Amino acid sequence: SQVVLVDSINEPDPAAAVTRARRLAEGAYVVDLAWLRSTPWRERVTATFDPIQWRGELGKISAVTVRHRPDSGIAGVLFFGWLSDRLGWEPGSLMARNGSLYGRAHGRRQDVELLLQPDERQSAPGLAGIRLETASGVSISLDRGPGGLAAKRRTRDGKESSWTVLGASRGEAGILGEGIRQALLRDPAYRRALDQAEAMVR
């Protein structure tokens, strides 16, 4: 076979999921539904930092917290892997602490604290929320909500703003359709994120 469609959240833990995906990728192109579920989150984070006035904060990110459905830890690890790849971080190992996974990545300016938390309230597979904090005092959060993602931003002077990103979730039916579409395309970002994720869970 040339393409393998998998859902890494079916593996018991992130380390097993990464090992299986890496093994499959040696002989075929892997389309991972756990990766595709985070597409709206990755798109929104990218769009948030796209305006010129916010782009400089990317190099100042000092902490990232990801909440996920208890069986979807691999989705969070892949999200960390994507950030590490895009921002040039050197990922460290994730360690278990009080039911969560905690670790650090080495950025160009400072270390970045990484926290992966299971959220029992999350019913759909995948991510429940993301929070990014910068050394200058800016914080941005995205949380799953009715009709889309609830976004909040706090600036360094303490001002807060909030809005809703409508239609950010494709739903499980949409994820499967996207998986089939991706089987006809090639997304190199997944393999790079998987490489970084392996460094975090090995």
Foldseek 3Di string as FASTA:
>chain_A
DAEDEEELLVDQDLLVSLVVVVVVVVRHAYQYLLQLQCVLVVVVVCVVCPPPVRVVQLLFWAEKEWEFALSSQNSVLLVVLLSCVVQVWQWAAWDDDPQKTWGWTQGPVGIHIYIYHYDNVDDDGYTAKMWIAGPLGKIWMWGDDPQAIWIKIADSVGDIDIDGDGPSGLPPVRSVVVSVVCSVPHDVSSVSSSVSSNNHHD
